[in-house]
C-alpha atoms as a PDB file:
ATOM      1  CA  MET A   1      -9.565 -21.282  24.624  1.00  0.00           C
ATOM      2  CA  THR A   2      -8.849 -22.799  21.202  1.00  0.00           C
ATOM      3  CA  ASP A   3      -7.489 -26.336  21.072  1.00  0.00           C
ATOM      4  CA  HIS A   4      -4.258 -25.613  19.184  1.00  0.00           C
ATOM      5  CA  ALA A   5      -4.467 -28.933  17.313  1.00  0.00           C
ATOM      6  CA  ARG A   6      -7.524 -27.587  15.511  1.00  0.00           C
ATOM      7  CA  LEU A   7      -5.470 -24.770  13.986  1.00  0.00           C
ATOM      8  CA  ASN A   8      -3.295 -27.135  11.945  1.00  0.00           C
ATOM      9  CA  ARG A   9      -5.611 -29.940  10.812  1.00  0.00           C
ATOM     10  CA  PRO A  10      -8.369 -29.978   8.160  1.00  0.00           C
ATOM     11  CA  ALA A  11     -11.960 -29.581   9.283  1.00  0.00           C
ATOM     12  CA  GLY A  12     -14.542 -32.351   9.269  1.00  0.00           C
ATOM     13  CA  ILE A  13     -18.296 -31.937   8.782  1.00  0.00           C
ATOM     14  CA  ARG A  14     -19.532 -29.180  11.097  1.00  0.00           C
ATOM     15  CA  SER A  15     -23.022 -27.663  11.382  1.00  0.00           C
ATOM     16  CA  LEU A  16     -24.704 -24.635  12.956  1.00  0.00           C
ATOM     17  CA  ARG A  17     -28.326 -23.520  13.134  1.00  0.00           C
ATOM     18  CA  LEU A  18     -29.479 -19.998  12.428  1.00  0.00           C
ATOM     19  CA  GLY A  19     -33.146 -20.223  13.302  1.00  0.00           C
ATOM     20  CA  ASP A  20     -34.881 -22.155  10.502  1.00  0.00           C
ATOM     21  CA  THR A  21     -31.679 -22.287   8.466  1.00  0.00           C
ATOM     22  CA  LYS A  22     -28.998 -24.933   8.883  1.00  0.00           C
ATOM     23  CA  VAL A  23     -25.459 -24.353   7.629  1.00  0.00           C
ATOM     24  CA  THR A  24     -22.950 -27.183   7.280  1.00  0.00           C
ATOM     25  CA  TYR A  25     -19.321 -27.207   6.257  1.00  0.00           C
ATOM     26  CA  VAL A  26     -18.904 -30.016   3.697  1.00  0.00           C
ATOM     27  CA  PRO A  27     -15.266 -31.117   3.368  1.00  0.00           C
ATOM     28  CA  ASP A  28     -13.756 -31.898  -0.021  1.00  0.00           C
ATOM     29  CA  GLY A  29     -10.063 -32.064   0.867  1.00  0.00           C
ATOM     30  CA  ALA A  30      -7.200 -29.885   2.049  1.00  0.00           C
ATOM     31  CA  GLY A  31      -4.084 -28.089   0.950  1.00  0.00           C
ATOM     32  CA  ARG A  32      -0.867 -26.780   2.429  1.00  0.00           C
ATOM     33  CA  LEU A  33       0.454 -23.240   2.149  1.00  0.00           C
ATOM     34  CA  GLY A  34       3.943 -22.000   2.937  1.00  0.00           C
ATOM     35  CA  PRO A  35       3.368 -19.347   5.637  1.00  0.00           C
ATOM     36  CA  ARG A  36       6.065 -16.826   4.670  1.00  0.00           C
ATOM     37  CA  GLY A  37       5.343 -17.145   0.968  1.00  0.00           C
ATOM     38  CA  TRP A  38       1.563 -17.059   1.295  1.00  0.00           C
ATOM     39  CA  LEU A  39       1.521 -14.079   3.680  1.00  0.00           C
ATOM     40  CA  PRO A  40       4.639 -12.220   2.486  1.00  0.00           C
ATOM     41  CA  ASP A  41       4.366  -9.411   5.049  1.00  0.00           C
ATOM     42  CA  THR A  42       4.958 -11.891   7.869  1.00  0.00           C
ATOM     43  CA  THR A  43       8.378 -12.770   9.248  1.00  0.00           C
ATOM     44  CA  ASP A  44      10.137 -15.827  10.620  1.00  0.00           C
ATOM     45  CA  GLU A  45       9.667 -14.273  14.068  1.00  0.00           C
ATOM     46  CA  VAL A  46       5.882 -14.171  13.608  1.00  0.00           C
ATOM     47  CA  TRP A  47       5.705 -17.907  12.916  1.00  0.00           C
ATOM     48  CA  ALA A  48       8.196 -18.732  15.676  1.00  0.00           C
ATOM     49  CA  GLU A  49       5.781 -16.994  18.063  1.00  0.00           C
ATOM     50  CA  HIS A  50       2.734 -18.762  16.589  1.00  0.00           C
ATOM     51  CA  PRO A  51       3.752 -22.353  15.779  1.00  0.00           C
ATOM     52  CA  GLU A  52       0.218 -23.515  16.589  1.00  0.00           C
ATOM     53  CA  TYR A  53      -0.907 -22.494  13.079  1.00  0.00           C
ATOM     54  CA  LEU A  54       1.629 -24.760  11.359  1.00  0.00           C
ATOM     55  CA  ASP A  55       1.492 -28.517  10.814  1.00  0.00           C
ATOM     56  CA  ALA A  56       4.379 -30.970  11.177  1.00  0.00           C
ATOM     57  CA  THR A  57       5.691 -29.910   7.752  1.00  0.00           C
ATOM     58  CA  GLY A  58       5.808 -26.235   8.785  1.00  0.00           C
ATOM     59  CA  ASN A  59       2.861 -25.258   6.578  1.00  0.00           C
ATOM     60  CA  LEU A  60      -0.515 -23.640   7.040  1.00  0.00           C
ATOM     61  CA  VAL A  61      -3.347 -26.141   6.568  1.00  0.00           C
ATOM     62  CA  ALA A  62      -6.179 -24.963   4.334  1.00  0.00           C
ATOM     63  CA  SER A  63      -9.473 -26.839   4.528  1.00  0.00           C
ATOM     64  CA  MET A  64     -11.216 -27.054   1.146  1.00  0.00           C
ATOM     65  CA  GLY A  65     -14.887 -27.698   0.605  1.00  0.00           C
ATOM     66  CA  ALA A  66     -18.228 -25.903   0.506  1.00  0.00           C
ATOM     67  CA  LEU A  67     -20.906 -24.500   2.791  1.00  0.00           C
ATOM     68  CA  LEU A  68     -24.299 -26.199   2.539  1.00  0.00           C
ATOM     69  CA  VAL A  69     -27.206 -23.876   3.381  1.00  0.00           C
ATOM     70  CA  GLU A  70     -30.524 -25.645   3.999  1.00  0.00           C
ATOM     71  CA  HIS A  71     -33.875 -23.909   4.462  1.00  0.00           C
ATOM     72  CA  GLY A  72     -36.768 -26.349   4.626  1.00  0.00           C
ATOM     73  CA  ASP A  73     -36.412 -28.682   1.643  1.00  0.00           C
ATOM     74  CA  ARG A  74     -34.310 -26.182  -0.287  1.00  0.00           C
ATOM     75  CA  ALA A  75     -30.512 -26.272  -0.499  1.00  0.00           C
ATOM     76  CA  LEU A  76     -27.820 -23.858  -1.643  1.00  0.00           C
ATOM     77  CA  LEU A  77     -24.068 -24.439  -1.795  1.00  0.00           C
ATOM     78  CA  ILE A  78     -21.613 -21.637  -1.245  1.00  0.00           C
ATOM     79  CA  ASP A  79     -18.622 -22.613  -3.390  1.00  0.00           C
ATOM     80  CA  ALA A  80     -18.069 -26.042  -4.915  1.00  0.00           C
ATOM     81  CA  GLY A  81     -14.859 -27.486  -3.522  1.00  0.00           C
ATOM     82  CA  VAL A  82     -11.584 -28.247  -5.252  1.00  0.00           C
ATOM     83  CA  GLY A  83     -12.741 -31.363  -7.108  1.00  0.00           C
ATOM     84  CA  SER A  84     -11.329 -34.851  -7.411  1.00  0.00           C
ATOM     85  CA  VAL A  85      -7.709 -33.771  -7.751  1.00  0.00           C
ATOM     86  CA  HIS A  86      -4.193 -34.365  -6.520  1.00  0.00           C
ATOM     87  CA  PHE A  87      -1.719 -31.568  -7.099  1.00  0.00           C
ATOM     88  CA  PRO A  88       1.840 -31.949  -5.846  1.00  0.00           C
ATOM     89  CA  ALA A  89       3.572 -28.978  -4.262  1.00  0.00           C
ATOM     90  CA  GLU A  90       4.461 -26.266  -6.769  1.00  0.00           C
ATOM     91  CA  GLN A  91       8.206 -25.803  -6.548  1.00  0.00           C
ATOM     92  CA  GLY A  92       9.244 -22.190  -6.105  1.00  0.00           C
ATOM     93  CA  THR A  93       5.794 -21.137  -4.865  1.00  0.00           C
ATOM     94  CA  PRO A  94       4.069 -21.179  -1.465  1.00  0.00           C
ATOM     95  CA  ILE A  95       1.410 -23.592  -2.748  1.00  0.00           C
ATOM     96  CA  GLY A  96       1.958 -27.036  -1.298  1.00  0.00           C
ATOM     97  CA  GLU A  97       0.241 -30.353  -1.941  1.00  0.00           C
ATOM     98  CA  ILE A  98      -3.517 -30.193  -2.593  1.00  0.00           C
ATOM     99  CA  ASN A  99      -5.913 -33.133  -2.426  1.00  0.00           C
ATOM    100  CA  GLY A 100      -9.657 -33.227  -2.990  1.00  0.00           C
ATOM    101  CA  GLY A 101     -12.495 -35.510  -3.957  1.00  0.00           C
ATOM    102  CA  ALA A 102     -14.669 -36.027  -0.870  1.00  0.00           C
ATOM    103  CA  LEU A 103     -17.409 -33.429  -1.478  1.00  0.00           C
ATOM    104  CA  LEU A 104     -20.067 -35.539  -3.191  1.00  0.00           C
ATOM    105  CA  GLY A 105     -19.629 -38.388  -0.727  1.00  0.00           C
ATOM    106  CA  ASN A 106     -19.965 -36.002   2.192  1.00  0.00           C
ATOM    107  CA  LEU A 107     -23.060 -34.424   0.658  1.00  0.00           C
ATOM    108  CA  ALA A 108     -24.548 -37.917   0.405  1.00  0.00           C
ATOM    109  CA  ARG A 109     -23.789 -38.483   4.100  1.00  0.00           C
ATOM    110  CA  LEU A 110     -25.836 -35.339   4.742  1.00  0.00           C
ATOM    111  CA  GLY A 111     -28.724 -36.625   2.640  1.00  0.00           C
ATOM    112  CA  ARG A 112     -28.082 -34.401  -0.366  1.00  0.00           C
ATOM    113  CA  THR A 113     -27.398 -35.242  -4.004  1.00  0.00           C
ATOM    114  CA  PRO A 114     -26.260 -32.819  -6.732  1.00  0.00           C
ATOM    115  CA  ALA A 115     -29.809 -32.861  -8.097  1.00  0.00           C
ATOM    116  CA  GLY A 116     -31.029 -31.548  -4.742  1.00  0.00           C
ATOM    117  CA  ILE A 117     -28.833 -28.422  -4.880  1.00  0.00           C
ATOM    118  CA  GLU A 118     -30.791 -25.620  -6.518  1.00  0.00           C
ATOM    119  CA  ALA A 119     -27.933 -23.113  -6.768  1.00  0.00           C
ATOM    120  CA  VAL A 120     -24.215 -22.671  -6.146  1.00  0.00           C
ATOM    121  CA  ALA A 121     -23.172 -19.223  -4.926  1.00  0.00           C
ATOM    122  CA  ILE A 122     -19.539 -18.776  -5.936  1.00  0.00           C
ATOM    123  CA  THR A 123     -17.328 -16.441  -3.915  1.00  0.00           C
ATOM    124  CA  HIS A 124     -14.780 -16.172  -6.733  1.00  0.00           C
ATOM    125  CA  LEU A 125     -13.419 -17.932  -9.791  1.00  0.00           C
ATOM    126  CA  HIS A 126     -10.454 -19.879  -8.444  1.00  0.00           C
ATOM    127  CA  GLY A 127     -10.076 -23.598  -9.050  1.00  0.00           C
ATOM    128  CA  ASP A 128     -10.414 -24.613  -5.395  1.00  0.00           C
ATOM    129  CA  HIS A 129     -13.890 -23.033  -5.277  1.00  0.00           C
ATOM    130  CA  ILE A 130     -15.463 -24.446  -8.453  1.00  0.00           C
ATOM    131  CA  GLY A 131     -14.019 -27.958  -8.532  1.00  0.00           C
ATOM    132  CA  TRP A 132     -17.401 -29.714  -8.703  1.00  0.00           C
ATOM    133  CA  SER A 133     -19.224 -26.968 -10.607  1.00  0.00           C
ATOM    134  CA  ALA A 134     -19.526 -28.887 -13.876  1.00  0.00           C
ATOM    135  CA  GLN A 135     -21.180 -31.857 -12.137  1.00  0.00           C
ATOM    136  CA  LEU A 136     -23.483 -29.609 -10.111  1.00  0.00           C
ATOM    137  CA  ALA A 137     -24.461 -27.575 -13.163  1.00  0.00           C
ATOM    138  CA  GLY A 138     -25.095 -30.802 -15.066  1.00  0.00           C
ATOM    139  CA  ALA A 139     -27.513 -31.822 -12.302  1.00  0.00           C
ATOM    140  CA  GLY A 140     -29.403 -28.543 -12.664  1.00  0.00           C
ATOM    141  CA  ALA A 141     -27.805 -26.148 -10.170  1.00  0.00           C
ATOM    142  CA  VAL A 142     -27.765 -22.502 -11.230  1.00  0.00           C
ATOM    143  CA  HIS A 143     -24.412 -20.823 -10.602  1.00  0.00           C
ATOM    144  CA  LEU A 144     -24.449 -17.366  -9.017  1.00  0.00           C
ATOM    145  CA  ILE A 145     -21.390 -15.153  -9.523  1.00  0.00           C
ATOM    146  CA  SER A 146     -20.939 -11.453  -8.850  1.00  0.00           C
ATOM    147  CA  ALA A 147     -21.193  -9.305 -11.953  1.00  0.00           C
ATOM    148  CA  PRO A 148     -17.660  -7.844 -11.627  1.00  0.00           C
ATOM    149  CA  GLU A 149     -16.185 -11.323 -11.075  1.00  0.00           C
ATOM    150  CA  TRP A 150     -17.785 -12.575 -14.269  1.00  0.00           C
ATOM    151  CA  GLU A 151     -16.640  -9.479 -16.165  1.00  0.00           C
ATOM    152  CA  HIS A 152     -13.054 -10.327 -15.149  1.00  0.00           C
ATOM    153  CA  ARG A 153     -13.373 -14.079 -15.726  1.00  0.00           C
ATOM    154  CA  HIS A 154     -10.385 -14.033 -18.099  1.00  0.00           C
ATOM    155  CA  LEU A 155      -8.169 -13.656 -15.000  1.00  0.00           C
ATOM    156  CA  SER A 156      -9.284 -17.027 -13.640  1.00  0.00           C
ATOM    157  CA  GLU A 157      -7.279 -19.137 -16.088  1.00  0.00           C
ATOM    158  CA  GLN A 158      -4.105 -18.527 -14.075  1.00  0.00           C
ATOM    159  CA  HIS A 159      -5.885 -19.981 -11.016  1.00  0.00           C
ATOM    160  CA  ARG A 160      -6.661 -23.486 -12.334  1.00  0.00           C
ATOM    161  CA  VAL A 161      -9.930 -22.566 -14.058  1.00  0.00           C
ATOM    162  CA  PRO A 162      -9.997 -23.943 -17.619  1.00  0.00           C
ATOM    163  CA  PRO A 163     -11.898 -21.701 -20.070  1.00  0.00           C
ATOM    164  CA  GLU A 164     -14.020 -24.665 -21.170  1.00  0.00           C
ATOM    165  CA  LEU A 165     -15.435 -24.934 -17.632  1.00  0.00           C
ATOM    166  CA  LEU A 166     -16.691 -21.345 -17.818  1.00  0.00           C
ATOM    167  CA  THR A 167     -18.229 -22.141 -21.198  1.00  0.00           C
ATOM    168  CA  THR A 168     -20.004 -25.099 -19.593  1.00  0.00           C
ATOM    169  CA  LEU A 169     -21.328 -22.963 -16.739  1.00  0.00           C
ATOM    170  CA  GLU A 170     -22.446 -19.954 -18.774  1.00  0.00           C
ATOM    171  CA  PRO A 171     -25.884 -21.218 -19.927  1.00  0.00           C
ATOM    172  CA  GLY A 172     -26.977 -21.804 -16.321  1.00  0.00           C
ATOM    173  CA  LEU A 173     -25.166 -18.872 -14.775  1.00  0.00           C
ATOM    174  CA  ARG A 174     -26.668 -15.733 -13.264  1.00  0.00           C
ATOM    175  CA  THR A 175     -24.708 -12.678 -12.173  1.00  0.00           C
ATOM    176  CA  VAL A 176     -25.598 -11.100  -8.833  1.00  0.00           C
ATOM    177  CA  THR A 177     -25.092  -7.688  -7.270  1.00  0.00           C
ATOM    178  CA  ASP A 178     -24.177  -6.290  -3.865  1.00  0.00           C
ATOM    179  CA  GLY A 179     -26.996  -6.688  -1.336  1.00  0.00           C
ATOM    180  CA  GLU A 180     -29.068  -9.007  -3.529  1.00  0.00           C
ATOM    181  CA  GLU A 181     -30.948 -11.832  -1.789  1.00  0.00           C
ATOM    182  CA  VAL A 182     -30.076 -15.077  -3.608  1.00  0.00           C
ATOM    183  CA  PHE A 183     -31.741 -17.615  -1.271  1.00  0.00           C
ATOM    184  CA  PRO A 184     -33.985 -17.196   1.779  1.00  0.00           C
ATOM    185  CA  GLY A 185     -31.943 -15.163   4.266  1.00  0.00           C
ATOM    186  CA  VAL A 186     -28.791 -15.133   2.088  1.00  0.00           C
ATOM    187  CA  ARG A 187     -27.473 -11.883   0.634  1.00  0.00           C
ATOM    188  CA  VAL A 188     -24.433 -10.923  -1.422  1.00  0.00           C
ATOM    189  CA  MET A 189     -21.709  -8.743   0.129  1.00  0.00           C
ATOM    190  CA  LEU A 190     -19.112  -7.632  -2.410  1.00  0.00           C
ATOM    191  CA  THR A 191     -15.601  -7.831  -0.947  1.00  0.00           C
ATOM    192  CA  PRO A 192     -13.188  -7.285  -3.857  1.00  0.00           C
ATOM    193  CA  GLY A 193      -9.450  -7.556  -3.433  1.00  0.00           C
ATOM    194  CA  HIS A 194      -8.613 -11.240  -3.493  1.00  0.00           C
ATOM    195  CA  THR A 195     -10.172 -11.155  -6.956  1.00  0.00           C
ATOM    196  CA  ALA A 196     -11.727  -8.289  -8.877  1.00  0.00           C
ATOM    197  CA  GLY A 197     -15.267  -9.331  -7.966  1.00  0.00           C
ATOM    198  CA  HIS A 198     -14.850 -11.462  -4.847  1.00  0.00           C
ATOM    199  CA  ALA A 199     -18.112 -11.849  -2.911  1.00  0.00           C
ATOM    200  CA  ALA A 200     -18.978 -12.852   0.618  1.00  0.00           C
ATOM    201  CA  TYR A 201     -22.448 -14.161   1.500  1.00  0.00           C
ATOM    202  CA  VAL A 202     -24.361 -13.078   4.602  1.00  0.00           C
ATOM    203  CA  ILE A 203     -26.811 -15.602   6.059  1.00  0.00           C
ATOM    204  CA  THR A 204     -29.345 -14.324   8.584  1.00  0.00           C
ATOM    205  CA  GLY A 205     -31.671 -16.325  10.833  1.00  0.00           C
ATOM    206  CA  GLY A 206     -32.701 -16.856  14.435  1.00  0.00           C
ATOM    207  CA  GLY A 207     -31.399 -13.456  15.502  1.00  0.00           C
ATOM    208  CA  ARG A 208     -27.883 -14.241  14.284  1.00  0.00           C
ATOM    209  CA  ARG A 209     -25.986 -13.729  11.078  1.00  0.00           C
ATOM    210  CA  LEU A 210     -23.132 -15.636   9.523  1.00  0.00           C
ATOM    211  CA  ILE A 211     -20.680 -14.110   7.050  1.00  0.00           C
ATOM    212  CA  ALA A 212     -19.181 -16.654   4.650  1.00  0.00           C
ATOM    213  CA  PHE A 213     -16.195 -14.590   3.576  1.00  0.00           C
ATOM    214  CA  GLY A 214     -14.523 -16.890   1.071  1.00  0.00           C
ATOM    215  CA  ASP A 215     -10.874 -16.018   0.499  1.00  0.00           C
ATOM    216  CA  ALA A 216     -10.990 -12.523   1.936  1.00  0.00           C
ATOM    217  CA  LEU A 217      -9.091 -14.237   4.771  1.00  0.00           C
ATOM    218  CA  HIS A 218      -7.131 -17.489   4.545  1.00  0.00           C
ATOM    219  CA  SER A 219      -5.980 -18.032   8.148  1.00  0.00           C
ATOM    220  CA  PRO A 220      -7.278 -17.091  11.611  1.00  0.00           C
ATOM    221  CA  ILE A 221      -3.989 -15.273  12.215  1.00  0.00           C
ATOM    222  CA  GLN A 222      -5.216 -12.569   9.810  1.00  0.00           C
ATOM    223  CA  ILE A 223      -8.024 -11.685  12.220  1.00  0.00           C
ATOM    224  CA  ALA A 224      -5.371 -10.054  14.415  1.00  0.00           C
ATOM    225  CA  HIS A 225      -3.517  -8.694  11.371  1.00  0.00           C
ATOM    226  CA  PRO A 226      -5.953  -7.775   8.575  1.00  0.00           C
ATOM    227  CA  GLU A 227      -3.150  -5.793   6.952  1.00  0.00           C
ATOM    228  CA  TRP A 228      -1.495  -9.077   5.910  1.00  0.00           C
ATOM    229  CA  SER A 229      -2.588  -9.849   2.350  1.00  0.00           C
ATOM    230  CA  ALA A 230      -2.085 -13.139   0.535  1.00  0.00           C
ATOM    231  CA  VAL A 231       0.484 -13.284  -2.230  1.00  0.00           C
ATOM    232  CA  VAL A 232      -2.231 -14.244  -4.738  1.00  0.00           C
ATOM    233  CA  ASP A 233      -4.526 -11.319  -3.904  1.00  0.00           C
ATOM    234  CA  HIS A 234      -5.453  -9.429  -7.062  1.00  0.00           C
ATOM    235  CA  ASP A 235      -5.257  -6.067  -5.246  1.00  0.00           C
ATOM    236  CA  ALA A 236      -3.444  -6.309  -1.894  1.00  0.00           C
ATOM    237  CA  ARG A 237      -4.445  -2.824  -0.732  1.00  0.00           C
ATOM    238  CA  GLN A 238      -8.129  -3.364  -1.520  1.00  0.00           C
ATOM    239  CA  SER A 239      -8.008  -6.832   0.008  1.00  0.00           C
ATOM    240  CA  ALA A 240      -6.643  -5.429   3.274  1.00  0.00           C
ATOM    241  CA  GLU A 241      -9.299  -2.713   3.290  1.00  0.00           C
ATOM    242  CA  PHE A 242     -12.147  -5.207   3.013  1.00  0.00           C
ATOM    243  CA  ARG A 243     -10.488  -7.544   5.494  1.00  0.00           C
ATOM    244  CA  ARG A 244     -10.516  -4.754   8.082  1.00  0.00           C
ATOM    245  CA  ARG A 245     -14.201  -4.131   7.377  1.00  0.00           C
ATOM    246  CA  LEU A 246     -15.012  -7.829   7.712  1.00  0.00           C
ATOM    247  CA  VAL A 247     -13.178  -8.094  11.035  1.00  0.00           C
ATOM    248  CA  GLU A 248     -15.195  -5.121  12.300  1.00  0.00           C
ATOM    249  CA  GLU A 249     -18.439  -6.688  11.052  1.00  0.00           C
ATOM    250  CA  MET A 250     -17.652 -10.023  12.690  1.00  0.00           C
ATOM    251  CA  ALA A 251     -16.908  -8.305  16.005  1.00  0.00           C
ATOM    252  CA  GLU A 252     -20.540  -7.149  16.113  1.00  0.00           C
ATOM    253  CA  PRO A 253     -22.881  -8.989  18.536  1.00  0.00           C
ATOM    254  CA  GLY A 254     -24.707 -11.974  17.093  1.00  0.00           C
ATOM    255  CA  THR A 255     -22.288 -12.332  14.191  1.00  0.00           C
ATOM    256  CA  ILE A 256     -20.406 -15.504  13.215  1.00  0.00           C
ATOM    257  CA  GLY A 257     -17.786 -15.900  10.505  1.00  0.00           C
ATOM    258  CA  PHE A 258     -17.219 -18.835   8.186  1.00  0.00           C
ATOM    259  CA  GLY A 259     -13.643 -19.224   6.981  1.00  0.00           C
ATOM    260  CA  LEU A 260     -13.541 -21.905   4.315  1.00  0.00           C
ATOM    261  CA  HIS A 261      -9.755 -22.337   4.591  1.00  0.00           C
ATOM    262  CA  PHE A 262      -9.537 -21.856   8.391  1.00  0.00           C
ATOM    263  CA  ALA A 263      -8.235 -25.365   9.193  1.00  0.00           C
ATOM    264  CA  ASP A 264     -10.572 -26.982  11.784  1.00  0.00           C
ATOM    265  CA  VAL A 265     -11.994 -23.688  13.084  1.00  0.00           C
ATOM    266  CA  VAL A 266     -14.161 -22.821  10.079  1.00  0.00           C
ATOM    267  CA  PHE A 267     -16.910 -21.286  12.244  1.00  0.00           C
ATOM    268  CA  GLY A 268     -15.931 -18.575  14.716  1.00  0.00           C
ATOM    269  CA  ARG A 269     -16.496 -15.142  16.150  1.00  0.00           C
ATOM    270  CA  VAL A 270     -14.159 -12.182  16.473  1.00  0.00           C
ATOM    271  CA  LEU A 271     -13.209 -11.231  20.022  1.00  0.00           C
ATOM    272  CA  ARG A 272     -11.786  -7.840  20.934  1.00  0.00           C
ATOM    273  CA  ASP A 273      -9.764  -7.342  24.124  1.00  0.00           C
ATOM    274  CA  ALA A 274      -9.458  -4.230  26.258  1.00  0.00           C
ATOM    275  CA  ALA A 275      -6.548  -2.993  24.145  1.00  0.00           C
ATOM    276  CA  GLY A 276      -8.567  -3.389  20.940  1.00  0.00           C
ATOM    277  CA  ALA A 277      -6.690  -6.458  19.676  1.00  0.00           C
ATOM    278  CA  THR A 278      -8.828  -8.938  17.749  1.00  0.00           C
ATOM    279  CA  SER A 279      -8.718 -12.736  17.721  1.00  0.00           C
ATOM    280  CA  TRP A 280     -10.726 -15.723  16.437  1.00  0.00           C
ATOM    281  CA  GLU A 281     -12.752 -17.922  18.783  1.00  0.00           C
ATOM    282  CA  PRO A 282     -14.265 -21.140  17.382  1.00  0.00           C
ATOM    283  CA  VAL A 283     -18.048 -21.526  17.450  1.00  0.00           C
ATOM    284  CA  ASP A 284     -19.353 -25.085  17.435  1.00  0.00           C
ATOM    285  CA  ALA A 285     -23.072 -24.674  18.082  1.00  0.00           C
END
């Protein structure tokens, strides 16, 4: 049974092993999201029945950070945090206060420096996923972005991505395609909907696989309701379609999910009961 406190607090450093590969959630900060505004197909009744997902301010808590993938001496980051920022709540929107800045310090605690990261695999071009990209690129990390996401990069400016950052990244950027292996045991899985070229990354090792699904899902409550799209999804119908597929994939034996924004339950598996209902169970080892 999930400790309900974990559903409404940001995650700390958490690690799992997949055979010879180690994956670690590296915190950068956290944000708050208004539940009704962020998931507009929900109702007040839904949240009255599930108060465990909401913090003392009545908001969803979104962890923000990156996933460190280590294989031998090599290291890959999936996403690059939100950066050293403080954004107050945006009045009239479901986006609450956002704070970041801890990523590089937490990487150092794990024995990694920016110079030791060979590549950054970006799920999508939103500001809370490329916050430290300029520093990482400056230290030599190649940035990997799906080809359709890069083709639609002009859409990212409305999501806190300054055009000059993309200009900075372009010389060391490589576009990737569905199914491509980008690091030992790590393959691209295109999951468009949240953005035009959103990508998940599938990490395989030790007889298990982990799907780092980026912003295809924002809250564990969507595991039971993949039809609920986020208000910022580029294509809500397509997003819901891929969310259903991901839930089915994560219900397969030996499969773990990584939800970057899933409060303090970033690693988990999908359970299915006798009636076919799905839910999220944390995995901590």
